[in-house]
Protein backbone atom coordinates (compact mmCIF):
# COMPACT_ATOMS: atom_id res chain seq x y z
CA MET A 1 0.00 -0.09 0.00
CA ILE A 2 1.32 3.47 -0.94
CA ASN A 3 2.44 5.57 2.03
CA GLU A 4 0.87 8.84 0.81
CA ASN A 5 2.49 11.08 3.32
CA ARG A 6 5.89 9.69 2.53
CA LEU A 7 5.23 10.00 -1.23
CA VAL A 8 4.24 13.74 -1.04
CA ASP A 9 7.14 14.62 1.39
CA LEU A 10 9.60 12.99 -1.01
CA PHE A 11 8.27 14.79 -4.03
CA LEU A 12 8.45 18.19 -2.37
CA LYS A 13 11.95 17.55 -0.92
CA LEU A 14 13.17 16.40 -4.51
CA CYS A 15 11.66 19.51 -6.09
CA LYS A 16 13.22 21.84 -3.62
CA ILE A 17 16.80 20.69 -4.55
CA ASN A 18 18.26 22.76 -7.42
CA ALA A 19 19.18 20.22 -10.22
CA PRO A 20 19.75 21.64 -13.58
CA ALA A 21 21.33 19.29 -16.12
CA LEU A 22 25.03 18.46 -15.41
CA GLU A 23 24.66 20.06 -11.80
CA GLU A 24 22.54 17.33 -10.10
CA LYS A 25 25.12 16.60 -7.51
CA ASP A 26 23.14 17.96 -4.52
CA SER A 27 19.92 16.12 -5.61
CA VAL A 28 21.85 12.91 -6.06
CA ALA A 29 23.53 13.28 -2.73
CA TRP A 30 20.24 13.88 -1.05
CA THR A 31 18.63 10.88 -2.75
CA LYS A 32 21.70 8.47 -1.68
CA GLU A 33 21.04 9.43 1.96
CA PHE A 34 17.29 8.86 1.51
CA LEU A 35 17.95 5.40 0.05
CA THR A 36 20.42 4.59 2.67
CA GLN A 37 18.06 5.48 5.47
CA HIS A 38 15.52 3.21 3.85
CA SER A 39 17.90 0.26 3.53
CA LEU A 40 17.86 0.23 -0.36
CA GLU A 41 20.88 -0.90 -2.15
CA PHE A 42 22.44 1.30 -4.82
CA VAL A 43 25.48 1.88 -6.87
CA GLU A 44 26.72 4.72 -8.77
CA ASP A 45 28.13 4.67 -12.27
CA GLU A 46 30.68 7.16 -13.66
CA ALA A 47 28.33 8.97 -15.98
CA GLY A 48 29.45 12.51 -14.61
CA LYS A 49 32.90 11.86 -15.85
CA ALA A 50 31.64 10.66 -19.21
CA ILE A 51 29.40 13.42 -19.94
CA GLY A 52 31.06 16.24 -18.06
CA GLY A 53 28.63 16.76 -15.27
CA ASN A 54 29.01 16.74 -11.47
CA ALA A 55 26.85 13.74 -10.71
CA ASN A 56 26.32 10.11 -11.67
CA ASN A 57 23.30 7.89 -12.49
CA LEU A 58 21.99 5.88 -9.48
CA ILE A 59 21.23 2.19 -9.94
CA VAL A 60 19.10 0.88 -7.03
CA LYS A 61 18.38 -2.88 -6.62
CA LEU A 62 15.45 -4.60 -4.69
CA PRO A 63 16.66 -8.11 -4.78
CA GLY A 64 13.87 -10.56 -5.63
CA ASN A 65 12.65 -13.71 -4.02
CA LEU A 66 10.99 -15.18 -7.24
CA PRO A 67 13.87 -16.64 -9.18
CA ASP A 68 11.54 -17.18 -12.31
CA ALA A 69 10.05 -13.62 -12.38
CA PRO A 70 11.35 -11.14 -14.71
CA LYS A 71 14.01 -8.54 -13.85
CA VAL A 72 12.38 -5.11 -14.39
CA TYR A 73 13.12 -1.51 -13.82
CA LEU A 74 11.29 1.86 -13.15
CA SER A 75 13.13 4.97 -14.24
CA ALA A 76 13.07 8.67 -13.94
CA HIS A 77 15.49 11.61 -14.23
CA PHE A 78 17.12 14.03 -11.62
CA ASP A 79 17.53 17.05 -13.78
CA THR A 80 15.11 19.87 -14.80
CA VAL A 81 15.19 22.21 -17.62
CA GLU A 82 16.29 25.30 -15.75
CA PRO A 83 17.39 26.06 -12.18
CA THR A 84 14.87 25.85 -9.45
CA GLU A 85 16.98 27.66 -7.02
CA GLY A 86 14.81 29.58 -4.38
CA ILE A 87 11.71 27.61 -5.19
CA VAL A 88 8.56 28.06 -3.21
CA ILE A 89 5.99 25.48 -3.66
CA GLU A 90 2.28 25.70 -2.63
CA GLU A 91 -0.54 23.28 -2.70
CA ILE A 92 -3.63 25.04 -3.90
CA ASP A 93 -6.91 23.14 -4.14
CA GLY A 94 -4.86 19.83 -4.24
CA VAL A 95 -2.44 20.96 -6.90
CA PHE A 96 1.19 21.73 -6.46
CA HIS A 97 2.54 24.91 -8.10
CA ALA A 98 5.81 26.90 -7.85
CA THR A 99 4.80 30.23 -6.67
CA SER A 100 8.37 31.56 -7.04
CA ASP A 101 9.79 32.65 -10.37
CA THR A 102 11.02 29.20 -11.24
CA ILE A 103 9.56 25.95 -12.67
CA LEU A 104 8.20 23.31 -10.26
CA GLY A 105 10.45 20.52 -11.40
CA ALA A 106 7.56 17.85 -11.51
CA ASP A 107 9.43 16.85 -14.75
CA ASP A 108 10.70 14.39 -13.51
CA LYS A 109 10.27 14.58 -9.77
CA GLY A 110 6.66 13.61 -10.53
CA GLY A 111 8.05 10.40 -11.89
CA MET A 112 10.94 9.83 -9.66
CA ALA A 113 8.97 10.15 -6.18
CA PRO A 114 6.33 7.63 -7.30
CA ALA A 115 8.85 5.25 -8.56
CA ILE A 116 10.89 5.20 -5.38
CA GLU A 117 7.75 5.07 -3.38
CA ALA A 118 6.45 1.94 -5.36
CA VAL A 119 9.74 0.16 -4.58
CA LEU A 120 9.57 0.93 -0.93
CA SER A 121 5.86 -0.12 -0.79
CA LEU A 122 6.53 -3.33 -2.53
CA ARG A 123 9.25 -4.31 -0.09
CA GLU A 124 7.08 -3.36 2.77
CA SER A 125 4.26 -5.59 1.50
CA GLY A 126 6.25 -8.66 1.72
CA GLU A 127 4.76 -9.77 -1.58
CA PRO A 128 6.86 -12.04 -3.79
CA HIS A 129 8.70 -10.38 -6.79
CA GLY A 130 11.58 -10.66 -8.98
CA ASP A 131 14.57 -8.38 -9.08
CA VAL A 132 13.40 -4.77 -9.25
CA TYR A 133 15.77 -1.89 -10.31
CA LEU A 134 15.28 1.96 -10.07
CA LEU A 135 17.26 3.67 -12.79
CA LEU A 136 17.72 7.36 -11.66
CA THR A 137 19.36 9.19 -14.31
CA VAL A 138 21.19 12.47 -14.83
CA ALA A 139 21.29 15.04 -17.97
CA GLU A 140 18.15 13.80 -19.56
CA GLU A 141 16.88 17.17 -20.54
CA ILE A 142 20.00 18.08 -22.76
CA GLY A 143 20.08 14.88 -24.86
CA LEU A 144 19.40 11.87 -22.70
CA LYS A 145 23.16 11.89 -21.76
CA GLY A 146 22.87 10.16 -18.45
CA ALA A 147 20.93 7.17 -20.12
CA LEU A 148 23.63 7.01 -22.90
CA ALA A 149 26.32 6.61 -20.28
CA LEU A 150 24.36 4.24 -18.24
CA LYS A 151 25.38 0.58 -19.07
CA ILE A 152 21.85 -0.88 -18.81
CA GLU A 153 22.87 -3.70 -21.07
CA GLU A 154 25.02 -5.16 -18.20
CA LEU A 155 22.04 -5.49 -15.71
CA GLY A 156 20.24 -8.37 -17.42
CA LEU A 157 17.05 -6.67 -17.28
CA ASP A 158 13.98 -8.07 -19.28
CA PHE A 159 11.87 -4.93 -19.67
CA GLY A 160 10.98 -1.60 -17.91
CA PHE A 161 9.21 1.51 -17.50
CA VAL A 162 10.22 5.12 -17.73
CA LEU A 163 7.97 7.58 -15.76
CA ASP A 164 8.41 10.71 -17.81
CA THR A 165 5.36 12.04 -19.71
CA GLY A 166 2.20 13.85 -18.93
CA PRO A 167 -1.37 12.52 -18.15
CA PRO A 168 -3.78 11.00 -18.30
CA VAL A 169 -2.27 8.77 -15.68
CA GLY A 170 -2.88 5.05 -16.72
CA SER A 171 -1.83 5.65 -20.42
CA PHE A 172 1.60 4.68 -21.96
CA VAL A 173 3.79 5.89 -24.69
CA THR A 174 4.80 2.89 -26.90
CA ARG A 175 5.76 4.73 -30.16
CA THR A 176 8.08 7.72 -30.59
CA ALA A 177 9.81 9.56 -33.38
CA ASN A 178 13.36 9.71 -34.73
CA HIS A 179 14.83 12.92 -33.70
CA ASP A 180 17.68 14.67 -35.90
CA LYS A 181 19.84 17.51 -34.82
CA LEU A 182 21.11 19.92 -37.67
CA ASP A 183 23.62 22.64 -36.87
CA ILE A 184 24.14 25.13 -39.76
CA THR A 185 26.92 27.56 -40.22
CA VAL A 186 26.62 30.15 -42.96
CA LYS A 187 29.95 32.18 -43.75
CA GLY A 188 29.59 35.40 -45.39
CA ILE A 189 32.36 38.03 -45.96
CA PRO A 190 33.06 40.96 -43.49
CA ALA A 191 33.34 44.52 -44.48
CA HIS A 192 32.89 47.91 -42.99
CA ALA A 193 29.14 48.55 -42.95
CA GLY A 194 29.45 52.24 -43.47
CA LYS A 195 32.34 52.50 -45.82
CA ASP A 196 32.39 49.38 -47.93
CA PRO A 197 29.07 47.34 -47.46
CA GLU A 198 29.16 46.23 -51.05
CA LYS A 199 32.30 44.49 -50.43
CA GLY A 200 30.88 42.21 -47.82
CA ILE A 201 28.25 39.45 -47.90
CA ASN A 202 25.80 39.47 -45.19
CA ALA A 203 25.30 36.12 -43.63
CA ILE A 204 22.03 37.22 -41.91
CA GLN A 205 20.73 38.11 -45.48
CA VAL A 206 21.67 34.51 -46.57
CA VAL A 207 19.90 32.96 -43.69
CA ALA A 208 16.78 35.08 -44.27
CA ASP A 209 16.65 33.96 -47.96
CA ALA A 210 17.06 30.31 -46.88
CA VAL A 211 14.39 30.44 -44.29
CA HIS A 212 11.79 32.22 -46.43
CA GLY A 213 9.68 29.44 -47.85
CA MET A 214 11.35 26.70 -45.71
CA ARG A 215 8.98 24.07 -44.30
CA ILE A 216 9.04 24.43 -40.61
CA GLY A 217 6.74 23.96 -37.68
CA ARG A 218 4.07 21.29 -38.17
CA ILE A 219 5.09 19.29 -41.35
CA ASP A 220 2.37 16.46 -41.10
CA GLU A 221 0.74 14.63 -38.41
CA GLU A 222 3.89 12.92 -37.11
CA THR A 223 6.62 15.22 -38.38
CA THR A 224 7.80 18.64 -37.07
CA ALA A 225 10.87 20.84 -37.80
CA ASN A 226 12.20 23.88 -35.96
CA LEU A 227 14.90 26.58 -36.13
CA GLY A 228 15.64 26.95 -32.32
CA ILE A 229 18.79 29.13 -31.82
CA ILE A 230 20.48 31.67 -34.07
CA GLU A 231 23.54 33.71 -33.39
CA GLY A 232 26.11 35.63 -35.33
CA GLY A 233 27.80 38.90 -36.21
CA SER A 234 30.33 40.85 -34.42
CA ALA A 235 29.31 44.58 -34.49
CA THR A 236 26.75 46.79 -35.91
CA ASN A 237 29.45 48.42 -38.07
CA VAL A 238 30.55 45.17 -39.74
CA VAL A 239 28.82 43.38 -42.33
CA CYS A 240 27.68 40.08 -40.69
CA ALA A 241 30.37 37.47 -41.61
CA PHE A 242 28.71 34.41 -39.94
CA VAL A 243 25.55 33.00 -38.53
CA LYS A 244 25.13 29.80 -36.59
CA ILE A 245 21.85 28.10 -36.36
CA LYS A 246 20.63 25.08 -34.15
CA ALA A 247 17.75 23.23 -35.87
CA GLU A 248 15.93 19.95 -35.44
CA ALA A 249 13.40 17.77 -37.15
CA ARG A 250 11.36 14.89 -35.79
CA SER A 251 9.31 12.12 -37.37
CA THR A 252 7.94 8.76 -36.79
CA ASN A 253 8.71 8.04 -40.46
CA PRO A 254 12.37 7.73 -41.23
CA GLU A 255 11.79 8.48 -45.02
CA THR A 256 9.88 11.50 -44.22
CA LEU A 257 12.57 12.84 -41.73
CA ASP A 258 15.17 12.40 -44.22
CA VAL A 259 13.18 14.35 -46.85
CA GLN A 260 12.61 17.20 -44.31
CA ILE A 261 16.37 17.32 -43.41
CA SER A 262 17.44 17.32 -47.13
CA HIS A 263 14.87 20.10 -47.65
CA MET A 264 16.24 22.29 -45.11
CA LYS A 265 19.84 21.76 -46.09
CA GLN A 266 18.95 22.51 -49.75
CA ARG A 267 17.37 25.90 -48.87
CA PHE A 268 20.54 26.90 -47.15
CA THR A 269 22.64 25.52 -49.87
CA ASP A 270 20.80 27.38 -52.58
CA ALA A 271 20.76 30.50 -50.78
CA ALA A 272 24.48 30.41 -49.98
CA GLU A 273 25.07 29.78 -53.82
CA LYS A 274 22.90 32.79 -54.82
CA TRP A 275 24.70 35.17 -52.54
CA GLY A 276 28.14 33.78 -52.92
CA ALA A 277 28.53 32.56 -49.23
CA GLU A 278 29.52 29.23 -47.83
CA VAL A 279 27.41 26.79 -45.70
CA GLU A 280 28.57 23.93 -43.43
CA PHE A 281 26.17 21.33 -42.00
CA ASP A 282 26.67 19.20 -38.86
CA HIS A 283 23.82 16.52 -38.99
CA VAL A 284 23.29 13.75 -36.41
CA ARG A 285 20.42 11.36 -35.52
CA HIS A 286 20.02 12.47 -31.98
CA TYR A 287 18.06 9.47 -31.06
CA ARG A 288 15.99 6.60 -32.81
CA SER A 289 12.48 5.91 -32.66
CA TYR A 290 10.78 2.91 -31.23
CA ASP A 291 7.42 1.15 -31.69
CA ILE A 292 6.68 -1.52 -29.14
CA ASP A 293 4.46 -4.30 -30.18
CA PRO A 294 1.01 -3.96 -28.28
CA GLU A 295 1.27 -7.71 -27.76
CA SER A 296 4.57 -7.55 -26.08
CA THR A 297 5.04 -8.61 -22.37
CA VAL A 298 5.97 -5.04 -21.30
CA VAL A 299 2.70 -3.45 -22.86
CA LYS A 300 0.51 -6.31 -21.63
CA VAL A 301 1.98 -5.94 -17.98
CA ALA A 302 1.31 -2.17 -18.11
CA GLN A 303 -2.23 -2.33 -19.47
CA GLU A 304 -3.34 -5.01 -17.07
CA ALA A 305 -1.93 -2.90 -14.19
CA SER A 306 -3.78 0.18 -15.39
CA ARG A 307 -7.00 -1.74 -15.81
CA SER A 308 -6.89 -3.34 -12.29
CA LEU A 309 -6.85 0.27 -10.99
CA GLY A 310 -9.85 1.19 -13.22
CA LEU A 311 -7.65 3.46 -15.36
CA ASP A 312 -7.69 3.82 -19.09
CA PRO A 313 -4.69 2.06 -20.54
CA ALA A 314 -4.51 3.91 -23.73
CA LEU A 315 -1.38 3.52 -25.89
CA ARG A 316 0.07 6.76 -27.32
CA THR A 317 2.42 8.14 -29.85
CA THR A 318 4.66 11.06 -29.06
CA LEU A 319 7.22 13.14 -30.89
CA GLY A 320 9.10 13.75 -27.70
CA GLY A 321 12.03 11.69 -26.59
CA SER A 322 12.91 10.01 -23.17
CA ASP A 323 15.41 7.81 -21.68
CA ALA A 324 13.27 4.89 -23.07
CA ASN A 325 14.57 5.80 -26.58
CA ILE A 326 18.07 5.01 -25.38
CA PHE A 327 17.09 2.00 -23.38
CA ASN A 328 15.14 0.57 -26.30
CA ALA A 329 18.23 1.14 -28.59
CA LYS A 330 20.27 -0.86 -26.12
CA ASN A 331 17.80 -3.72 -26.59
CA VAL A 332 15.79 -3.54 -23.18
CA PRO A 333 12.16 -3.37 -24.13
CA SER A 334 10.89 -0.12 -22.59
CA ILE A 335 7.65 2.11 -22.44
CA VAL A 336 6.89 5.38 -20.96
CA VAL A 337 4.33 5.61 -18.01
CA ALA A 338 2.17 8.80 -17.98
CA THR A 339 2.32 10.82 -14.82
CA GLY A 340 0.60 13.94 -13.68
CA MET A 341 2.90 16.53 -14.72
CA GLU A 342 1.41 19.26 -16.67
CA LYS A 343 2.70 22.33 -18.66
CA ILE A 344 6.24 21.01 -18.30
CA HIS A 345 9.14 23.18 -19.15
CA THR A 346 7.09 26.34 -18.23
CA HIS A 347 6.70 28.33 -15.14
CA GLU A 348 2.98 27.18 -15.19
CA GLU A 349 4.01 23.51 -14.50
CA HIS A 350 2.07 21.83 -11.96
CA ILE A 351 0.95 18.33 -10.70
CA SER A 352 -1.97 17.44 -8.47
CA ARG A 353 -1.62 15.33 -5.29
CA ALA A 354 -4.17 12.80 -6.62
CA ASP A 355 -2.21 12.18 -9.72
CA LEU A 356 1.00 11.74 -7.70
CA ILE A 357 -0.46 9.11 -5.70
CA LYS A 358 -2.23 7.53 -8.58
CA THR A 359 1.18 7.36 -10.48
CA ALA A 360 2.79 5.63 -7.30
CA GLU A 361 -0.23 3.18 -7.11
CA LEU A 362 0.17 2.39 -10.82
CA SER A 363 3.89 1.92 -10.55
CA LEU A 364 3.36 -0.51 -7.55
CA GLU A 365 0.82 -2.38 -9.63
CA ILE A 366 3.08 -2.63 -12.56
CA LEU A 367 5.73 -4.27 -10.25
CA ARG A 368 3.09 -6.67 -8.91
CA VAL A 369 1.73 -7.77 -12.24
CA SER A 370 5.41 -8.17 -13.65
CA ALA A 371 6.07 -10.72 -10.79
CA LYS A 372 3.32 -12.94 -12.14
CA VAL A 373 5.14 -13.44 -15.51
CA SER A 374 7.59 -16.28 -15.98
CA ARG A 375 10.85 -15.35 -17.64
CA ASN A 376 10.39 -18.63 -19.48
CA GLU A 377 7.52 -17.07 -21.39
CA LEU A 378 9.58 -14.04 -22.46
């Protein structure tokens, strides 16, 4: 049975610890102390060294007493999209808000607290179960870096669940997009803007030409593209000699994604040729999509747990990424469990007490249902 007071207290304390990506040291240290106080075994990896951060992933293990049961995991991440230093949290009509000029941090403390509470409640129940792991990662918000550094393939896990998306609680993400990053550098020619402007090539003008008519935003139902960061120039009296742009595109269809990236590159190439400038590209597939079979064990377990609590076990597609993309790429079947976090990455982020509790109950039920599966059936 979920200890509601412990759950809420854990959530609030985690939210109050400042933990921007690559600077999660204080949050990880506090969590280690909490786990020690509750006699949960854990190890740290060396993710911080690998990714240039000040903290590591935590791998928590609750040893099982059912040798034939699957080895499963619950996962959430420590970091938030921006600092939460000086946060003030208030519960208003059963909903937690940050009333300070910060985000709340329910992404992903609204997943982490229920995951930890579920494991504690399972142990306290005395019910039989297989090995259960908590994978608590760092640097998720800046490119799933902690998950990339985590050697999940060495744990022998059968499947697992990442608590890291919004409501309705009871639903699951089983299909996501490929995500490509595209960095563009446009090189013009500098010149004195007042004396000899005609001797220069303005990189900003080249970019404007390239972007005009470019397909960005919503491309189709399952494809998006964005130019997110642009910077360049040196002074107002110098013809701008360079512009750097950070862009992205996402799609559940790899062919459509390739076409979109080619289109964006071509627009810049044509504009550069027209104006006599140069353009360079740095294109990488940031993470791969996954599409988990609805008849797979990981999905059946999740849906059975959701139904047993009277929830709607809907299966969802999202263009957002999570650590599940990395874990699936490392051949551990993984889906994302919906939590109560709403309006994430904004100062209006919030989560209700009821959804926090419901997420913990669902996580516990998922572990219970998992224990009924035989590894021989996988």
